Amino acid sequence: MNYDELHDQLMKEFRAYFEDYQNWATTESHASGMRTRAHLSEIRRFASALRVEILETRRTKPKIKSPAYRAAKLAEQQAQNQQAHGNDDAN
């Protein structure tokens, strides 16, 4: 599953949990407590899956660690832009 699907399922499960929790808070019945705990387990499962998705995304994206790195990247981009514009002038 992708991030958006997991997020939507997490939010759906949280809404269901909230409704059952409200029921449990007023009645404190055994059945409503079981449903509330089941929702919490599902929320934990979706949260864990989302955490894995986020970690995988972080692994694929480059890390920008320092201001010096950012400055070097900016200088590189500016040099590429100047070279691109220089080629436009020749045409």
N, C-alpha and C. Protein backbone atom coordinates (compact mmCIF):
# COMPACT_ATOMS: atom_id res chain seq x y z
N MET A 1 0.84 -1.18 0.00
CA MET A 1 0.00 0.00 0.00
C MET A 1 0.88 1.24 0.00
N ASN A 2 0.35 2.28 -0.58
CA ASN A 2 1.12 3.50 -0.57
C ASN A 2 0.72 4.37 0.63
N TYR A 3 1.43 5.46 0.78
CA TYR A 3 1.25 6.32 1.94
C TYR A 3 -0.18 6.85 2.04
N ASP A 4 -0.75 7.31 0.92
CA ASP A 4 -2.09 7.90 0.97
C ASP A 4 -3.15 6.88 1.38
N GLU A 5 -3.05 5.66 0.86
CA GLU A 5 -4.01 4.62 1.23
C GLU A 5 -3.89 4.27 2.71
N LEU A 6 -2.66 4.14 3.19
CA LEU A 6 -2.46 3.84 4.61
C LEU A 6 -2.98 4.96 5.50
N HIS A 7 -2.72 6.19 5.08
CA HIS A 7 -3.19 7.33 5.87
C HIS A 7 -4.71 7.36 5.92
N ASP A 8 -5.36 7.12 4.78
CA ASP A 8 -6.82 7.11 4.75
C ASP A 8 -7.38 6.00 5.65
N GLN A 9 -6.77 4.83 5.60
CA GLN A 9 -7.23 3.73 6.44
C GLN A 9 -7.00 4.03 7.92
N LEU A 10 -5.88 4.66 8.23
CA LEU A 10 -5.61 5.04 9.61
C LEU A 10 -6.66 6.01 10.12
N MET A 11 -6.99 7.01 9.31
CA MET A 11 -7.98 7.99 9.73
C MET A 11 -9.37 7.36 9.87
N LYS A 12 -9.71 6.45 8.96
CA LYS A 12 -10.99 5.75 9.05
C LYS A 12 -11.06 4.93 10.32
N GLU A 13 -9.99 4.22 10.63
CA GLU A 13 -9.94 3.40 11.83
C GLU A 13 -10.00 4.27 13.09
N PHE A 14 -9.34 5.43 13.05
CA PHE A 14 -9.36 6.31 14.21
C PHE A 14 -10.77 6.84 14.46
N ARG A 15 -11.48 7.18 13.38
CA ARG A 15 -12.87 7.65 13.56
C ARG A 15 -13.74 6.55 14.16
N ALA A 16 -13.56 5.31 13.69
CA ALA A 16 -14.33 4.18 14.25
C ALA A 16 -13.96 3.97 15.71
N TYR A 17 -12.67 4.08 16.03
CA TYR A 17 -12.22 3.96 17.41
C TYR A 17 -12.88 5.02 18.28
N PHE A 18 -12.91 6.25 17.78
CA PHE A 18 -13.46 7.36 18.57
C PHE A 18 -14.94 7.11 18.88
N GLU A 19 -15.69 6.63 17.90
CA GLU A 19 -17.11 6.34 18.13
C GLU A 19 -17.27 5.24 19.18
N ASP A 20 -16.50 4.16 19.03
CA ASP A 20 -16.61 3.07 20.00
C ASP A 20 -16.09 3.48 21.38
N TYR A 21 -15.08 4.33 21.40
CA TYR A 21 -14.57 4.80 22.69
C TYR A 21 -15.64 5.62 23.41
N GLN A 22 -16.33 6.48 22.67
CA GLN A 22 -17.41 7.27 23.28
C GLN A 22 -18.47 6.35 23.87
N ASN A 23 -18.79 5.28 23.15
CA ASN A 23 -19.76 4.31 23.64
C ASN A 23 -19.24 3.63 24.90
N TRP A 24 -17.97 3.22 24.87
CA TRP A 24 -17.39 2.56 26.04
C TRP A 24 -17.32 3.51 27.24
N ALA A 25 -16.98 4.77 26.99
CA ALA A 25 -16.86 5.73 28.08
C ALA A 25 -18.19 5.94 28.80
N THR A 26 -19.30 5.82 28.07
CA THR A 26 -20.60 6.02 28.71
C THR A 26 -21.16 4.74 29.30
N THR A 27 -20.94 3.59 28.64
CA THR A 27 -21.55 2.34 29.12
C THR A 27 -20.58 1.45 29.89
N GLU A 28 -19.30 1.52 29.55
CA GLU A 28 -18.26 0.66 30.12
C GLU A 28 -18.63 -0.82 30.02
N SER A 29 -19.25 -1.16 28.88
CA SER A 29 -19.62 -2.56 28.67
C SER A 29 -18.43 -3.35 28.16
N HIS A 30 -18.48 -4.65 28.38
CA HIS A 30 -17.40 -5.54 27.96
C HIS A 30 -17.24 -5.52 26.43
N ALA A 31 -18.35 -5.58 25.71
CA ALA A 31 -18.30 -5.63 24.25
C ALA A 31 -17.73 -4.34 23.66
N SER A 32 -18.15 -3.20 24.19
CA SER A 32 -17.62 -1.94 23.65
C SER A 32 -16.14 -1.79 23.99
N GLY A 33 -15.70 -2.31 25.12
CA GLY A 33 -14.29 -2.28 25.47
C GLY A 33 -13.47 -3.14 24.52
N MET A 34 -14.01 -4.31 24.16
CA MET A 34 -13.31 -5.18 23.21
C MET A 34 -13.19 -4.53 21.84
N ARG A 35 -14.26 -3.89 21.38
CA ARG A 35 -14.22 -3.20 20.08
C ARG A 35 -13.22 -2.05 20.12
N THR A 36 -13.19 -1.32 21.22
CA THR A 36 -12.26 -0.19 21.35
C THR A 36 -10.82 -0.69 21.32
N ARG A 37 -10.52 -1.76 22.02
CA ARG A 37 -9.16 -2.32 22.01
C ARG A 37 -8.80 -2.86 20.63
N ALA A 38 -9.75 -3.44 19.93
CA ALA A 38 -9.49 -3.93 18.58
C ALA A 38 -9.13 -2.77 17.65
N HIS A 39 -9.84 -1.67 17.80
CA HIS A 39 -9.52 -0.48 16.98
C HIS A 39 -8.12 0.03 17.30
N LEU A 40 -7.75 0.01 18.57
CA LEU A 40 -6.41 0.46 18.94
C LEU A 40 -5.34 -0.43 18.32
N SER A 41 -5.60 -1.72 18.26
CA SER A 41 -4.64 -2.64 17.62
C SER A 41 -4.50 -2.34 16.14
N GLU A 42 -5.62 -2.08 15.48
CA GLU A 42 -5.58 -1.74 14.06
C GLU A 42 -4.87 -0.41 13.83
N ILE A 43 -5.11 0.55 14.71
CA ILE A 43 -4.42 1.85 14.59
C ILE A 43 -2.92 1.64 14.71
N ARG A 44 -2.50 0.80 15.64
CA ARG A 44 -1.08 0.50 15.81
C ARG A 44 -0.51 -0.15 14.55
N ARG A 45 -1.26 -1.07 13.96
CA ARG A 45 -0.80 -1.75 12.74
C ARG A 45 -0.64 -0.77 11.59
N PHE A 46 -1.63 0.11 11.39
CA PHE A 46 -1.53 1.10 10.32
C PHE A 46 -0.41 2.10 10.58
N ALA A 47 -0.25 2.50 11.84
CA ALA A 47 0.82 3.44 12.19
C ALA A 47 2.19 2.83 11.92
N SER A 48 2.35 1.56 12.22
CA SER A 48 3.62 0.88 11.95
C SER A 48 3.89 0.81 10.45
N ALA A 49 2.86 0.51 9.68
CA ALA A 49 3.03 0.45 8.22
C ALA A 49 3.37 1.82 7.66
N LEU A 50 2.74 2.87 8.18
CA LEU A 50 3.06 4.23 7.74
C LEU A 50 4.49 4.59 8.10
N ARG A 51 4.92 4.17 9.27
CA ARG A 51 6.30 4.45 9.68
C ARG A 51 7.29 3.82 8.71
N VAL A 52 7.01 2.60 8.27
CA VAL A 52 7.88 1.91 7.31
C VAL A 52 7.90 2.68 5.98
N GLU A 53 6.72 3.14 5.52
CA GLU A 53 6.64 3.91 4.27
C GLU A 53 7.48 5.18 4.37
N ILE A 54 7.39 5.86 5.49
CA ILE A 54 8.14 7.10 5.67
C ILE A 54 9.64 6.82 5.68
N LEU A 55 10.05 5.76 6.36
CA LEU A 55 11.47 5.40 6.39
C LEU A 55 11.98 5.06 4.99
N GLU A 56 11.20 4.34 4.21
CA GLU A 56 11.61 4.00 2.84
C GLU A 56 11.75 5.25 1.99
N THR A 57 10.85 6.19 2.17
CA THR A 57 10.94 7.46 1.43
C THR A 57 12.19 8.22 1.83
N ARG A 58 12.49 8.24 3.12
CA ARG A 58 13.69 8.94 3.59
C ARG A 58 14.95 8.31 3.03
N ARG A 59 14.95 7.00 2.88
CA ARG A 59 16.14 6.32 2.35
C ARG A 59 16.39 6.66 0.90
N THR A 60 15.34 6.92 0.14
CA THR A 60 15.51 7.19 -1.29
C THR A 60 15.86 8.64 -1.57
N LYS A 61 15.50 9.54 -0.67
CA LYS A 61 15.79 10.95 -0.90
C LYS A 61 17.17 11.30 -0.35
N PRO A 62 17.87 12.20 -1.03
CA PRO A 62 19.19 12.58 -0.52
C PRO A 62 19.06 13.38 0.78
N LYS A 63 20.03 13.20 1.62
CA LYS A 63 20.04 13.92 2.89
C LYS A 63 20.82 15.21 2.71
N ILE A 64 20.25 16.28 3.17
CA ILE A 64 20.93 17.57 3.16
C ILE A 64 21.35 17.83 4.60
N LYS A 65 22.63 17.68 4.83
CA LYS A 65 23.10 17.66 6.22
C LYS A 65 23.62 19.00 6.73
N SER A 66 24.23 19.78 5.86
CA SER A 66 24.90 20.96 6.39
C SER A 66 24.65 22.16 5.48
N PRO A 67 24.83 23.36 6.02
CA PRO A 67 24.71 24.56 5.20
C PRO A 67 25.74 24.58 4.08
N ALA A 68 26.92 24.02 4.30
CA ALA A 68 27.94 23.98 3.26
C ALA A 68 27.47 23.11 2.09
N TYR A 69 26.82 22.00 2.41
CA TYR A 69 26.28 21.13 1.36
C TYR A 69 25.21 21.87 0.56
N ARG A 70 24.32 22.57 1.27
CA ARG A 70 23.27 23.34 0.59
C ARG A 70 23.87 24.43 -0.29
N ALA A 71 24.91 25.10 0.20
CA ALA A 71 25.55 26.16 -0.59
C ALA A 71 26.21 25.57 -1.83
N ALA A 72 26.84 24.42 -1.70
CA ALA A 72 27.47 23.78 -2.85
C ALA A 72 26.42 23.37 -3.87
N LYS A 73 25.29 22.83 -3.40
CA LYS A 73 24.21 22.44 -4.32
C LYS A 73 23.63 23.66 -5.02
N LEU A 74 23.46 24.74 -4.29
CA LEU A 74 22.93 25.97 -4.89
C LEU A 74 23.89 26.50 -5.94
N ALA A 75 25.18 26.50 -5.66
CA ALA A 75 26.17 26.96 -6.64
C ALA A 75 26.15 26.07 -7.88
N GLU A 76 26.00 24.78 -7.67
CA GLU A 76 25.93 23.84 -8.79
C GLU A 76 24.69 24.12 -9.65
N GLN A 77 23.55 24.36 -9.01
CA GLN A 77 22.33 24.67 -9.74
C GLN A 77 22.45 25.98 -10.51
N GLN A 78 23.07 26.98 -9.89
CA GLN A 78 23.26 28.26 -10.56
C GLN A 78 24.17 28.11 -11.77
N ALA A 79 25.23 27.32 -11.64
CA ALA A 79 26.13 27.08 -12.77
C ALA A 79 25.40 26.37 -13.89
N GLN A 80 24.54 25.42 -13.56
CA GLN A 80 23.76 24.73 -14.58
C GLN A 80 22.79 25.68 -15.26
N ASN A 81 22.17 26.55 -14.48
CA ASN A 81 21.24 27.53 -15.06
C ASN A 81 21.97 28.50 -15.98
N GLN A 82 23.14 28.96 -15.58
CA GLN A 82 23.91 29.87 -16.43
C GLN A 82 24.33 29.18 -17.71
N GLN A 83 24.72 27.94 -17.60
CA GLN A 83 25.13 27.19 -18.79
C GLN A 83 23.92 27.00 -19.71
N ALA A 84 22.76 26.70 -19.14
CA ALA A 84 21.54 26.52 -19.94
C ALA A 84 21.16 27.82 -20.63
N HIS A 85 21.25 28.93 -19.92
CA HIS A 85 20.90 30.22 -20.52
C HIS A 85 21.94 30.64 -21.55
N GLY A 86 23.19 30.26 -21.31
CA GLY A 86 24.24 30.55 -22.29
C GLY A 86 23.99 29.82 -23.59
N ASN A 87 23.49 28.60 -23.51
CA ASN A 87 23.18 27.83 -24.71
C ASN A 87 21.98 28.43 -25.44
N ASP A 88 21.04 29.03 -24.71
CA ASP A 88 19.89 29.67 -25.33
C ASP A 88 20.31 30.89 -26.14
N ASP A 89 21.31 31.64 -25.62
CA ASP A 89 21.77 32.85 -26.30
C ASP A 89 22.46 32.50 -27.61
N ALA A 90 23.10 31.34 -27.67
CA ALA A 90 23.82 30.95 -28.89
C ALA A 90 22.86 30.62 -30.02
N ASN A 91 21.64 30.18 -29.67
CA ASN A 91 20.67 29.81 -30.71
C ASN A 91 20.07 31.05 -31.22
